[in-house]
PDB file of N, CA and C in Angstrom:
ATOM      1  N   UNK A   1      35.902   5.449  24.819  1.00  0.00           N
ATOM      2  CA  UNK A   1      35.084   4.947  23.741  1.00  0.00           C
ATOM      3  C   UNK A   1      33.994   4.052  24.310  1.00  0.00           C
ATOM      4  N   UNK A   2      32.769   4.301  23.972  1.00  0.00           N
ATOM      5  CA  UNK A   2      31.635   3.552  24.493  1.00  0.00           C
ATOM      6  C   UNK A   2      31.290   2.397  23.550  1.00  0.00           C
ATOM      7  N   UNK A   3      31.488   1.161  24.024  1.00  0.00           N
ATOM      8  CA  UNK A   3      31.176  -0.003  23.198  1.00  0.00           C
ATOM      9  C   UNK A   3      29.699  -0.339  23.305  1.00  0.00           C
ATOM     10  N   UNK A   4      29.156  -0.916  22.247  1.00  0.00           N
ATOM     11  CA  UNK A   4      27.751  -1.329  22.247  1.00  0.00           C
ATOM     12  C   UNK A   4      27.544  -2.436  23.275  1.00  0.00           C
ATOM     13  N   UNK A   5      26.354  -2.480  23.835  1.00  0.00           N
ATOM     14  CA  UNK A   5      26.001  -3.496  24.820  1.00  0.00           C
ATOM     15  C   UNK A   5      25.699  -4.823  24.118  1.00  0.00           C
ATOM     16  N   UNK A   6      25.914  -5.904  24.835  1.00  0.00           N
ATOM     17  CA  UNK A   6      25.559  -7.222  24.320  1.00  0.00           C
ATOM     18  C   UNK A   6      24.052  -7.410  24.423  1.00  0.00           C
ATOM     19  N   UNK A   7      23.473  -7.949  23.378  1.00  0.00           N
ATOM     20  CA  UNK A   7      22.078  -8.371  23.394  1.00  0.00           C
ATOM     21  C   UNK A   7      22.075  -9.892  23.374  1.00  0.00           C
ATOM     22  N   UNK A   8      21.292 -10.485  24.270  1.00  0.00           N
ATOM     23  CA  UNK A   8      21.246 -11.946  24.373  1.00  0.00           C
ATOM     24  C   UNK A   8      19.801 -12.412  24.411  1.00  0.00           C
ATOM     25  N   UNK A   9      19.577 -13.579  23.835  1.00  0.00           N
ATOM     26  CA  UNK A   9      18.250 -14.184  23.910  1.00  0.00           C
ATOM     27  C   UNK A   9      18.383 -15.698  23.874  1.00  0.00           C
ATOM     28  N   UNK A  10      17.478 -16.353  24.582  1.00  0.00           N
ATOM     29  CA  UNK A  10      17.414 -17.813  24.554  1.00  0.00           C
ATOM     30  C   UNK A  10      16.770 -18.216  23.236  1.00  0.00           C
ATOM     31  N   UNK A  11      17.479 -19.016  22.450  1.00  0.00           N
ATOM     32  CA  UNK A  11      16.963 -19.478  21.164  1.00  0.00           C
ATOM     33  C   UNK A  11      16.261 -20.833  21.300  1.00  0.00           C
ATOM     34  N   UNK A  12      16.650 -21.604  22.296  1.00  0.00           N
ATOM     35  CA  UNK A  12      16.033 -22.912  22.496  1.00  0.00           C
ATOM     36  C   UNK A  12      16.734 -23.660  23.610  1.00  0.00           C
ATOM     37  N   UNK A  13      16.161 -24.794  23.989  1.00  0.00           N
ATOM     38  CA  UNK A  13      16.739 -25.615  25.035  1.00  0.00           C
ATOM     39  C   UNK A  13      16.383 -27.069  24.817  1.00  0.00           C
ATOM     40  N   UNK A  14      17.280 -27.966  25.217  1.00  0.00           N
ATOM     41  CA  UNK A  14      17.063 -29.393  25.093  1.00  0.00           C
ATOM     42  C   UNK A  14      17.298 -30.035  26.448  1.00  0.00           C
ATOM     43  N   UNK A  15      16.238 -30.611  27.026  1.00  0.00           N
ATOM     44  CA  UNK A  15      16.363 -31.338  28.284  1.00  0.00           C
ATOM     45  C   UNK A  15      16.834 -32.748  27.985  1.00  0.00           C
ATOM     46  N   UNK A  16      17.832 -33.221  28.735  1.00  0.00           N
ATOM     47  CA  UNK A  16      18.375 -34.559  28.515  1.00  0.00           C
ATOM     48  C   UNK A  16      19.119 -35.007  29.769  1.00  0.00           C
ATOM     49  N   UNK A  17      19.616 -36.234  29.747  1.00  0.00           N
ATOM     50  CA  UNK A  17      20.508 -36.740  30.784  1.00  0.00           C
ATOM     51  C   UNK A  17      21.911 -36.727  30.192  1.00  0.00           C
ATOM     52  N   UNK A  18      22.880 -36.162  30.938  1.00  0.00           N
ATOM     53  CA  UNK A  18      24.234 -35.998  30.447  1.00  0.00           C
ATOM     54  C   UNK A  18      25.202 -36.812  31.296  1.00  0.00           C
ATOM     55  N   UNK A  19      26.141 -37.504  30.625  1.00  0.00           N
ATOM     56  CA  UNK A  19      27.140 -38.284  31.335  1.00  0.00           C
ATOM     57  C   UNK A  19      28.034 -37.370  32.146  1.00  0.00           C
ATOM     58  N   UNK A  20      28.383 -37.845  33.340  1.00  0.00           N
ATOM     59  CA  UNK A  20      29.259 -37.123  34.246  1.00  0.00           C
ATOM     60  C   UNK A  20      30.628 -37.811  34.255  1.00  0.00           C
ATOM     61  N   UNK A  21      31.661 -37.133  34.735  1.00  0.00           N
ATOM     62  CA  UNK A  21      33.005 -37.731  34.745  1.00  0.00           C
ATOM     63  C   UNK A  21      33.088 -39.062  35.493  1.00  0.00           C
ATOM     64  N   UNK A  22      32.207 -39.265  36.497  1.00  0.00           N
ATOM     65  CA  UNK A  22      32.248 -40.511  37.255  1.00  0.00           C
ATOM     66  C   UNK A  22      31.467 -41.642  36.579  1.00  0.00           C
ATOM     67  N   UNK A  23      30.922 -41.390  35.388  1.00  0.00           N
ATOM     68  CA  UNK A  23      30.198 -42.418  34.650  1.00  0.00           C
ATOM     69  C   UNK A  23      28.694 -42.397  34.858  1.00  0.00           C
ATOM     70  N   UNK A  24      28.222 -41.660  35.842  1.00  0.00           N
ATOM     71  CA  UNK A  24      26.782 -41.550  36.074  1.00  0.00           C
ATOM     72  C   UNK A  24      26.192 -40.556  35.077  1.00  0.00           C
ATOM     73  N   UNK A  25      24.875 -40.428  35.086  1.00  0.00           N
ATOM     74  CA  UNK A  25      24.241 -39.406  34.260  1.00  0.00           C
ATOM     75  C   UNK A  25      23.420 -38.493  35.151  1.00  0.00           C
ATOM     76  N   UNK A  26      23.206 -37.294  34.671  1.00  0.00           N
ATOM     77  CA  UNK A  26      22.491 -36.283  35.449  1.00  0.00           C
ATOM     78  C   UNK A  26      21.574 -35.502  34.511  1.00  0.00           C
ATOM     79  N   UNK A  27      20.330 -35.243  34.937  1.00  0.00           N
ATOM     80  CA  UNK A  27      19.446 -34.454  34.074  1.00  0.00           C
ATOM     81  C   UNK A  27      19.906 -32.996  34.016  1.00  0.00           C
ATOM     82  N   UNK A  28      19.734 -32.410  32.858  1.00  0.00           N
ATOM     83  CA  UNK A  28      20.109 -31.020  32.670  1.00  0.00           C
ATOM     84  C   UNK A  28      19.503 -30.491  31.383  1.00  0.00           C
ATOM     85  N   UNK A  29      19.918 -29.304  31.001  1.00  0.00           N
ATOM     86  CA  UNK A  29      19.417 -28.663  29.790  1.00  0.00           C
ATOM     87  C   UNK A  29      20.573 -28.031  29.036  1.00  0.00           C
ATOM     88  N   UNK A  30      20.617 -28.255  27.735  1.00  0.00           N
ATOM     89  CA  UNK A  30      21.529 -27.523  26.863  1.00  0.00           C
ATOM     90  C   UNK A  30      20.757 -26.359  26.273  1.00  0.00           C
ATOM     91  N   UNK A  31      21.208 -25.143  26.566  1.00  0.00           N
ATOM     92  CA  UNK A  31      20.553 -23.922  26.097  1.00  0.00           C
ATOM     93  C   UNK A  31      21.314 -23.364  24.920  1.00  0.00           C
ATOM     94  N   UNK A  32      20.620 -22.975  23.885  1.00  0.00           N
ATOM     95  CA  UNK A  32      21.207 -22.262  22.750  1.00  0.00           C
ATOM     96  C   UNK A  32      20.893 -20.783  22.955  1.00  0.00           C
ATOM     97  N   UNK A  33      21.954 -19.973  23.008  1.00  0.00           N
ATOM     98  CA  UNK A  33      21.796 -18.550  23.298  1.00  0.00           C
ATOM     99  C   UNK A  33      22.348 -17.738  22.131  1.00  0.00           C
ATOM    100  N   UNK A  34      21.527 -16.851  21.605  1.00  0.00           N
ATOM    101  CA  UNK A  34      21.972 -15.918  20.575  1.00  0.00           C
ATOM    102  C   UNK A  34      22.543 -14.680  21.232  1.00  0.00           C
ATOM    103  N   UNK A  35      23.715 -14.253  20.761  1.00  0.00           N
ATOM    104  CA  UNK A  35      24.382 -13.075  21.320  1.00  0.00           C
ATOM    105  C   UNK A  35      24.762 -12.152  20.183  1.00  0.00           C
ATOM    106  N   UNK A  36      24.559 -10.854  20.395  1.00  0.00           N
ATOM    107  CA  UNK A  36      24.900  -9.882  19.358  1.00  0.00           C
ATOM    108  C   UNK A  36      25.421  -8.610  20.001  1.00  0.00           C
ATOM    109  N   UNK A  37      26.453  -8.075  19.374  1.00  0.00           N
ATOM    110  CA  UNK A  37      26.961  -6.751  19.738  1.00  0.00           C
ATOM    111  C   UNK A  37      27.415  -6.095  18.449  1.00  0.00           C
ATOM    112  N   UNK A  38      26.753  -5.008  18.099  1.00  0.00           N
ATOM    113  CA  UNK A  38      27.045  -4.366  16.821  1.00  0.00           C
ATOM    114  C   UNK A  38      26.701  -5.305  15.680  1.00  0.00           C
ATOM    115  N   UNK A  39      27.644  -5.491  14.771  1.00  0.00           N
ATOM    116  CA  UNK A  39      27.433  -6.393  13.636  1.00  0.00           C
ATOM    117  C   UNK A  39      27.862  -7.822  13.938  1.00  0.00           C
ATOM    118  N   UNK A  40      28.427  -8.066  15.112  1.00  0.00           N
ATOM    119  CA  UNK A  40      28.907  -9.405  15.474  1.00  0.00           C
ATOM    120  C   UNK A  40      27.777 -10.226  16.068  1.00  0.00           C
ATOM    121  N   UNK A  41      27.537 -11.404  15.488  1.00  0.00           N
ATOM    122  CA  UNK A  41      26.480 -12.299  15.949  1.00  0.00           C
ATOM    123  C   UNK A  41      27.111 -13.639  16.306  1.00  0.00           C
ATOM    124  N   UNK A  42      26.738 -14.178  17.466  1.00  0.00           N
ATOM    125  CA  UNK A  42      27.274 -15.453  17.943  1.00  0.00           C
ATOM    126  C   UNK A  42      26.134 -16.347  18.410  1.00  0.00           C
ATOM    127  N   UNK A  43      26.404 -17.628  18.400  1.00  0.00           N
ATOM    128  CA  UNK A  43      25.498 -18.632  18.962  1.00  0.00           C
ATOM    129  C   UNK A  43      26.344 -19.447  19.931  1.00  0.00           C
ATOM    130  N   UNK A  44      25.967 -19.490  21.210  1.00  0.00           N
ATOM    131  CA  UNK A  44      26.721 -20.263  22.195  1.00  0.00           C
ATOM    132  C   UNK A  44      25.795 -21.277  22.857  1.00  0.00           C
ATOM    133  N   UNK A  45      26.414 -22.344  23.358  1.00  0.00           N
ATOM    134  CA  UNK A  45      25.673 -23.382  24.084  1.00  0.00           C
ATOM    135  C   UNK A  45      26.086 -23.315  25.549  1.00  0.00           C
ATOM    136  N   UNK A  46      25.093 -23.377  26.421  1.00  0.00           N
ATOM    137  CA  UNK A  46      25.330 -23.399  27.862  1.00  0.00           C
ATOM    138  C   UNK A  46      24.586 -24.595  28.425  1.00  0.00           C
ATOM    139  N   UNK A  47      25.291 -25.447  29.152  1.00  0.00           N
ATOM    140  CA  UNK A  47      24.641 -26.575  29.825  1.00  0.00           C
ATOM    141  C   UNK A  47      24.300 -26.147  31.238  1.00  0.00           C
ATOM    142  N   UNK A  48      23.072 -26.432  31.644  1.00  0.00           N
ATOM    143  CA  UNK A  48      22.669 -26.111  33.017  1.00  0.00           C
ATOM    144  C   UNK A  48      22.207 -27.380  33.715  1.00  0.00           C
ATOM    145  N   UNK A  49      22.484 -27.411  34.994  1.00  0.00           N
ATOM    146  CA  UNK A  49      21.993 -28.460  35.886  1.00  0.00           C
ATOM    147  C   UNK A  49      21.239 -27.781  37.010  1.00  0.00           C
ATOM    148  N   UNK A  50      20.171 -28.409  37.475  1.00  0.00           N
ATOM    149  CA  UNK A  50      19.467 -27.900  38.647  1.00  0.00           C
ATOM    150  C   UNK A  50      20.274 -28.249  39.886  1.00  0.00           C
ATOM    151  N   UNK A  51      20.238 -27.381  40.888  1.00  0.00           N
ATOM    152  CA  UNK A  51      20.929 -27.683  42.131  1.00  0.00           C
ATOM    153  C   UNK A  51      20.353 -28.961  42.728  1.00  0.00           C
ATOM    154  N   UNK A  52      21.152 -29.636  43.521  1.00  0.00           N
ATOM    155  CA  UNK A  52      20.720 -30.900  44.124  1.00  0.00           C
ATOM    156  C   UNK A  52      19.458 -30.734  44.966  1.00  0.00           C
ATOM    157  N   UNK A  53      19.288 -29.547  45.556  1.00  0.00           N
ATOM    158  CA  UNK A  53      18.130 -29.314  46.426  1.00  0.00           C
ATOM    159  C   UNK A  53      17.007 -28.563  45.714  1.00  0.00           C
ATOM    160  N   UNK A  54      17.015 -28.575  44.383  1.00  0.00           N
ATOM    161  CA  UNK A  54      16.008 -27.814  43.624  1.00  0.00           C
ATOM    162  C   UNK A  54      14.600 -28.278  43.967  1.00  0.00           C
ATOM    163  N   UNK A  55      13.738 -27.321  44.259  1.00  0.00           N
ATOM    164  CA  UNK A  55      12.352 -27.661  44.591  1.00  0.00           C
ATOM    165  C   UNK A  55      11.502 -27.694  43.313  1.00  0.00           C
ATOM    166  N   UNK A  56      10.275 -28.095  43.475  1.00  0.00           N
ATOM    167  CA  UNK A  56       9.378 -28.261  42.338  1.00  0.00           C
ATOM    168  C   UNK A  56       9.164 -26.953  41.572  1.00  0.00           C
ATOM    169  N   UNK A  57       9.025 -25.844  42.292  1.00  0.00           N
ATOM    170  CA  UNK A  57       8.796 -24.554  41.631  1.00  0.00           C
ATOM    171  C   UNK A  57       9.969 -24.208  40.710  1.00  0.00           C
ATOM    172  N   UNK A  58      11.183 -24.446  41.160  1.00  0.00           N
ATOM    173  CA  UNK A  58      12.364 -24.166  40.351  1.00  0.00           C
ATOM    174  C   UNK A  58      12.451 -25.120  39.169  1.00  0.00           C
ATOM    175  N   UNK A  59      12.179 -26.399  39.417  1.00  0.00           N
ATOM    176  CA  UNK A  59      12.232 -27.410  38.344  1.00  0.00           C
ATOM    177  C   UNK A  59      11.236 -27.101  37.230  1.00  0.00           C
ATOM    178  N   UNK A  60      10.087 -26.549  37.588  1.00  0.00           N
ATOM    179  CA  UNK A  60       9.025 -26.314  36.610  1.00  0.00           C
ATOM    180  C   UNK A  60       9.089 -24.947  35.935  1.00  0.00           C
ATOM    181  N   UNK A  61      10.003 -24.086  36.341  1.00  0.00           N
ATOM    182  CA  UNK A  61      10.053 -22.717  35.826  1.00  0.00           C
ATOM    183  C   UNK A  61      11.185 -22.558  34.808  1.00  0.00           C
ATOM    184  N   UNK A  62      10.919 -22.911  33.555  1.00  0.00           N
ATOM    185  CA  UNK A  62      11.957 -22.809  32.523  1.00  0.00           C
ATOM    186  C   UNK A  62      12.315 -21.351  32.227  1.00  0.00           C
ATOM    187  N   UNK A  63      11.383 -20.417  32.418  1.00  0.00           N
ATOM    188  CA  UNK A  63      11.710 -18.996  32.229  1.00  0.00           C
ATOM    189  C   UNK A  63      12.783 -18.558  33.221  1.00  0.00           C
ATOM    190  N   UNK A  64      12.617 -18.948  34.475  1.00  0.00           N
ATOM    191  CA  UNK A  64      13.612 -18.624  35.502  1.00  0.00           C
ATOM    192  C   UNK A  64      14.962 -19.258  35.150  1.00  0.00           C
ATOM    193  N   UNK A  65      14.937 -20.509  34.745  1.00  0.00           N
ATOM    194  CA  UNK A  65      16.173 -21.192  34.388  1.00  0.00           C
ATOM    195  C   UNK A  65      16.889 -20.478  33.236  1.00  0.00           C
ATOM    196  N   UNK A  66      16.136 -20.051  32.239  1.00  0.00           N
ATOM    197  CA  UNK A  66      16.721 -19.311  31.122  1.00  0.00           C
ATOM    198  C   UNK A  66      17.317 -17.984  31.558  1.00  0.00           C
ATOM    199  N   UNK A  67      16.643 -17.297  32.495  1.00  0.00           N
ATOM    200  CA  UNK A  67      17.180 -16.019  33.010  1.00  0.00           C
ATOM    201  C   UNK A  67      18.512 -16.247  33.732  1.00  0.00           C
ATOM    202  N   UNK A  68      18.600 -17.349  34.486  1.00  0.00           N
ATOM    203  CA  UNK A  68      19.853 -17.648  35.189  1.00  0.00           C
ATOM    204  C   UNK A  68      20.973 -17.878  34.175  1.00  0.00           C
ATOM    205  N   UNK A  69      20.681 -18.556  33.087  1.00  0.00           N
ATOM    206  CA  UNK A  69      21.681 -18.783  32.038  1.00  0.00           C
ATOM    207  C   UNK A  69      22.148 -17.444  31.462  1.00  0.00           C
ATOM    208  N   UNK A  70      21.219 -16.539  31.169  1.00  0.00           N
ATOM    209  CA  UNK A  70      21.601 -15.230  30.633  1.00  0.00           C
ATOM    210  C   UNK A  70      22.413 -14.430  31.647  1.00  0.00           C
ATOM    211  N   UNK A  71      22.044 -14.500  32.928  1.00  0.00           N
ATOM    212  CA  UNK A  71      22.810 -13.812  33.975  1.00  0.00           C
ATOM    213  C   UNK A  71      24.215 -14.389  34.088  1.00  0.00           C
ATOM    214  N   UNK A  72      24.328 -15.705  33.925  1.00  0.00           N
ATOM    215  CA  UNK A  72      25.637 -16.370  33.952  1.00  0.00           C
ATOM    216  C   UNK A  72      26.521 -15.823  32.833  1.00  0.00           C
ATOM    217  N   UNK A  73      25.975 -15.750  31.614  1.00  0.00           N
ATOM    218  CA  UNK A  73      26.746 -15.223  30.489  1.00  0.00           C
ATOM    219  C   UNK A  73      27.105 -13.748  30.695  1.00  0.00           C
ATOM    220  N   UNK A  74      26.176 -12.974  31.240  1.00  0.00           N
ATOM    221  CA  UNK A  74      26.449 -11.572  31.518  1.00  0.00           C
ATOM    222  C   UNK A  74      27.611 -11.433  32.498  1.00  0.00           C
ATOM    223  N   UNK A  75      27.649 -12.297  33.497  1.00  0.00           N
ATOM    224  CA  UNK A  75      28.759 -12.291  34.454  1.00  0.00           C
ATOM    225  C   UNK A  75      30.081 -12.629  33.787  1.00  0.00           C
ATOM    226  N   UNK A  76      30.060 -13.613  32.873  1.00  0.00           N
ATOM    227  CA  UNK A  76      31.286 -13.957  32.149  1.00  0.00           C
ATOM    228  C   UNK A  76      31.763 -12.788  31.291  1.00  0.00           C
ATOM    229  N   UNK A  77      30.821 -12.137  30.613  1.00  0.00           N
ATOM    230  CA  UNK A  77      31.175 -10.985  29.779  1.00  0.00           C
ATOM    231  C   UNK A  77      31.813  -9.876  30.607  1.00  0.00           C
ATOM    232  N   UNK A  78      31.287  -9.644  31.795  1.00  0.00           N
ATOM    233  CA  UNK A  78      31.830  -8.579  32.645  1.00  0.00           C
ATOM    234  C   UNK A  78      33.228  -8.931  33.166  1.00  0.00           C
ATOM    235  N   UNK A  79      33.592 -10.225  33.105  1.00  0.00           N
ATOM    236  CA  UNK A  79      34.930 -10.657  33.513  1.00  0.00           C
ATOM    237  C   UNK A  79      35.905 -10.703  32.338  1.00  0.00           C
ATOM    238  N   UNK A  80      35.431 -10.310  31.146  1.00  0.00           N
ATOM    239  CA  UNK A  80      36.322 -10.262  29.995  1.00  0.00           C
ATOM    240  C   UNK A  80      36.162 -11.402  29.003  1.00  0.00           C
ATOM    241  N   UNK A  81      35.316 -12.369  29.298  1.00  0.00           N
ATOM    242  CA  UNK A  81      35.069 -13.477  28.359  1.00  0.00           C
ATOM    243  C   UNK A  81      34.363 -12.942  27.114  1.00  0.00           C
ATOM    244  N   UNK A  82      34.645 -13.545  25.971  1.00  0.00           N
ATOM    245  CA  UNK A  82      33.938 -13.223  24.735  1.00  0.00           C
ATOM    246  C   UNK A  82      33.437 -14.511  24.105  1.00  0.00           C
ATOM    247  N   UNK A  83      32.344 -14.454  23.363  1.00  0.00           N
ATOM    248  CA  UNK A  83      31.748 -15.668  22.802  1.00  0.00           C
ATOM    249  C   UNK A  83      32.614 -16.374  21.765  1.00  0.00           C
ATOM    250  N   UNK A  84      33.633 -15.720  21.239  1.00  0.00           N
ATOM    251  CA  UNK A  84      34.493 -16.404  20.275  1.00  0.00           C
ATOM    252  C   UNK A  84      35.577 -17.235  20.960  1.00  0.00           C
ATOM    253  N   UNK A  85      35.632 -17.185  22.286  1.00  0.00           N
ATOM    254  CA  UNK A  85      36.555 -18.035  23.042  1.00  0.00           C
ATOM    255  C   UNK A  85      35.863 -19.365  23.288  1.00  0.00           C
ATOM    256  N   UNK A  86      36.449 -20.453  22.810  1.00  0.00           N
ATOM    257  CA  UNK A  86      35.826 -21.755  23.019  1.00  0.00           C
ATOM    258  C   UNK A  86      36.002 -22.170  24.470  1.00  0.00           C
ATOM    259  N   UNK A  87      34.907 -22.557  25.082  1.00  0.00           N
ATOM    260  CA  UNK A  87      34.959 -23.077  26.450  1.00  0.00           C
ATOM    261  C   UNK A  87      33.673 -23.837  26.728  1.00  0.00           C
ATOM    262  N   UNK A  88      33.772 -24.795  27.651  1.00  0.00           N
ATOM    263  CA  UNK A  88      32.579 -25.502  28.099  1.00  0.00           C
ATOM    264  C   UNK A  88      31.873 -24.601  29.098  1.00  0.00           C
ATOM    265  N   UNK A  89      30.666 -24.197  28.785  1.00  0.00           N
ATOM    266  CA  UNK A  89      29.911 -23.292  29.643  1.00  0.00           C
ATOM    267  C   UNK A  89      28.870 -24.102  30.405  1.00  0.00           C
ATOM    268  N   UNK A  90      29.014 -24.127  31.723  1.00  0.00           N
ATOM    269  CA  UNK A  90      28.115 -24.901  32.570  1.00  0.00           C
ATOM    270  C   UNK A  90      27.739 -24.066  33.780  1.00  0.00           C
ATOM    271  N   UNK A  91      26.457 -24.088  34.123  1.00  0.00           N
ATOM    272  CA  UNK A  91      25.968 -23.344  35.281  1.00  0.00           C
ATOM    273  C   UNK A  91      24.999 -24.238  36.057  1.00  0.00           C
ATOM    274  N   UNK A  92      25.006 -24.083  37.382  1.00  0.00           N
ATOM    275  CA  UNK A  92      24.048 -24.786  38.243  1.00  0.00           C
ATOM    276  C   UNK A  92      22.953 -23.792  38.620  1.00  0.00           C
ATOM    277  N   UNK A  93      21.710 -24.195  38.396  1.00  0.00           N
ATOM    278  CA  UNK A  93      20.552 -23.332  38.652  1.00  0.00           C
ATOM    279  C   UNK A  93      20.151 -23.453  40.127  1.00  0.00           C
ATOM    280  N   UNK A  94      20.223 -22.360  40.889  1.00  0.00           N
ATOM    281  CA  UNK A  94      19.777 -22.411  42.287  1.00  0.00           C
ATOM    282  C   UNK A  94      18.254 -22.298  42.373  1.00  0.00           C
ATOM    283  N   UNK A  95      17.720 -22.520  43.555  1.00  0.00           N
ATOM    284  CA  UNK A  95      16.286 -22.318  43.759  1.00  0.00           C
ATOM    285  C   UNK A  95      15.914 -20.864  43.524  1.00  0.00           C
ATOM    286  N   UNK A  96      14.677 -20.669  43.088  1.00  0.00           N
ATOM    287  CA  UNK A  96      14.184 -19.312  42.849  1.00  0.00           C
ATOM    288  C   UNK A  96      14.211 -18.520  44.151  1.00  0.00           C
ATOM    289  N   UNK A  97      14.545 -17.232  44.072  1.00  0.00           N
ATOM    290  CA  UNK A  97      14.496 -16.404  45.283  1.00  0.00           C
ATOM    291  C   UNK A  97      13.079 -16.403  45.863  1.00  0.00           C
ATOM    292  N   UNK A  98      13.009 -16.445  47.171  1.00  0.00           N
ATOM    293  CA  UNK A  98      11.703 -16.432  47.827  1.00  0.00           C
ATOM    294  C   UNK A  98      11.055 -17.796  47.895  1.00  0.00           C
ATOM    295  N   UNK A  99      11.718 -18.817  47.366  1.00  0.00           N
ATOM    296  CA  UNK A  99      11.186 -20.176  47.402  1.00  0.00           C
ATOM    297  C   UNK A  99      12.342 -21.122  47.705  1.00  0.00           C
ATOM    298  N   UNK A 100      12.873 -21.069  48.942  1.00  0.00           N
ATOM    299  CA  UNK A 100      14.076 -21.824  49.276  1.00  0.00           C
ATOM    300  C   UNK A 100      13.848 -23.334  49.277  1.00  0.00           C
ATOM    301  N   UNK A 101      14.957 -24.051  49.211  1.00  0.00           N
ATOM    302  CA  UNK A 101      14.884 -25.511  49.294  1.00  0.00           C
ATOM    303  C   UNK A 101      14.275 -25.894  50.633  1.00  0.00           C
ATOM    304  N   UNK A 102      13.478 -26.913  50.633  1.00  0.00           N
ATOM    305  CA  UNK A 102      12.843 -27.356  51.859  1.00  0.00           C
ATOM    306  C   UNK A 102      11.706 -26.468  52.293  1.00  0.00           C
ATOM    307  N   UNK A 103      11.414 -25.429  51.512  1.00  0.00           N
ATOM    308  CA  UNK A 103      10.309 -24.539  51.832  1.00  0.00           C
ATOM    309  C   UNK A 103       8.978 -25.251  51.656  1.00  0.00           C
ATOM    310  N   UNK A 104       7.957 -24.649  52.128  1.00  0.00           N
ATOM    311  CA  UNK A 104       6.632 -25.250  52.020  1.00  0.00           C
ATOM    312  C   UNK A 104       6.147 -25.114  50.585  1.00  0.00           C
ATOM    313  N   UNK A 105       5.843 -26.257  49.985  1.00  0.00           N
ATOM    314  CA  UNK A 105       5.282 -26.259  48.644  1.00  0.00           C
ATOM    315  C   UNK A 105       3.817 -26.637  48.749  1.00  0.00           C
ATOM    316  N   UNK A 106       3.006 -26.035  47.935  1.00  0.00           N
ATOM    317  CA  UNK A 106       1.584 -26.318  47.964  1.00  0.00           C
ATOM    318  C   UNK A 106       1.313 -27.730  47.472  1.00  0.00           C
ATOM    319  N   UNK A 107       0.424 -28.395  48.139  1.00  0.00           N
ATOM    320  CA  UNK A 107       0.024 -29.727  47.720  1.00  0.00           C
ATOM    321  C   UNK A 107      -0.889 -29.623  46.515  1.00  0.00           C
ATOM    322  N   UNK A 108      -0.982 -30.697  45.768  1.00  0.00           N
ATOM    323  CA  UNK A 108      -1.881 -30.696  44.613  1.00  0.00           C
ATOM    324  C   UNK A 108      -3.313 -30.925  45.048  1.00  0.00           C
ATOM    325  N   UNK A 109      -3.514 -31.253  46.333  1.00  0.00           N
ATOM    326  CA  UNK A 109      -4.852 -31.459  46.847  1.00  0.00           C
ATOM    327  C   UNK A 109      -5.100 -30.443  47.969  1.00  0.00           C
ATOM    328  N   UNK A 110      -6.357 -30.296  48.334  1.00  0.00           N
ATOM    329  CA  UNK A 110      -6.701 -29.454  49.465  1.00  0.00           C
ATOM    330  C   UNK A 110      -8.028 -29.910  50.052  1.00  0.00           C
ATOM    331  N   UNK A 111      -8.242 -29.580  51.303  1.00  0.00           N
ATOM    332  CA  UNK A 111      -9.501 -29.898  51.968  1.00  0.00           C
ATOM    333  C   UNK A 111     -10.516 -28.795  51.684  1.00  0.00           C
ATOM    334  N   UNK A 112     -11.766 -29.149  51.533  1.00  0.00           N
ATOM    335  CA  UNK A 112     -12.823 -28.173  51.307  1.00  0.00           C
ATOM    336  C   UNK A 112     -13.665 -28.033  52.522  1.00  0.00           C
TER     337      UNK A 112
END
């Protein structure tokens, strides 16, 4: 029997600082993701944090960050998770491919 594929979309995101278990706070984003398969519609929240070595290009690319969140959910679905299972969903956003940490970033100035 062929089941319908999941359709997912980013509905919104909220950037904030979130308390950590050690009492500190860390910047991150709470993403609201709409998920649908057949007639079943779900809304899930995923918290993302940037990797400790995140470069400027990764920090400034919210489209990339949203894609990583969707890929994270797709991976969970392929492992048998379903959106009606309550769980804290958290993912760490790595640097964009082709732009590694410590890589050369363009300066905002240049010589003429």
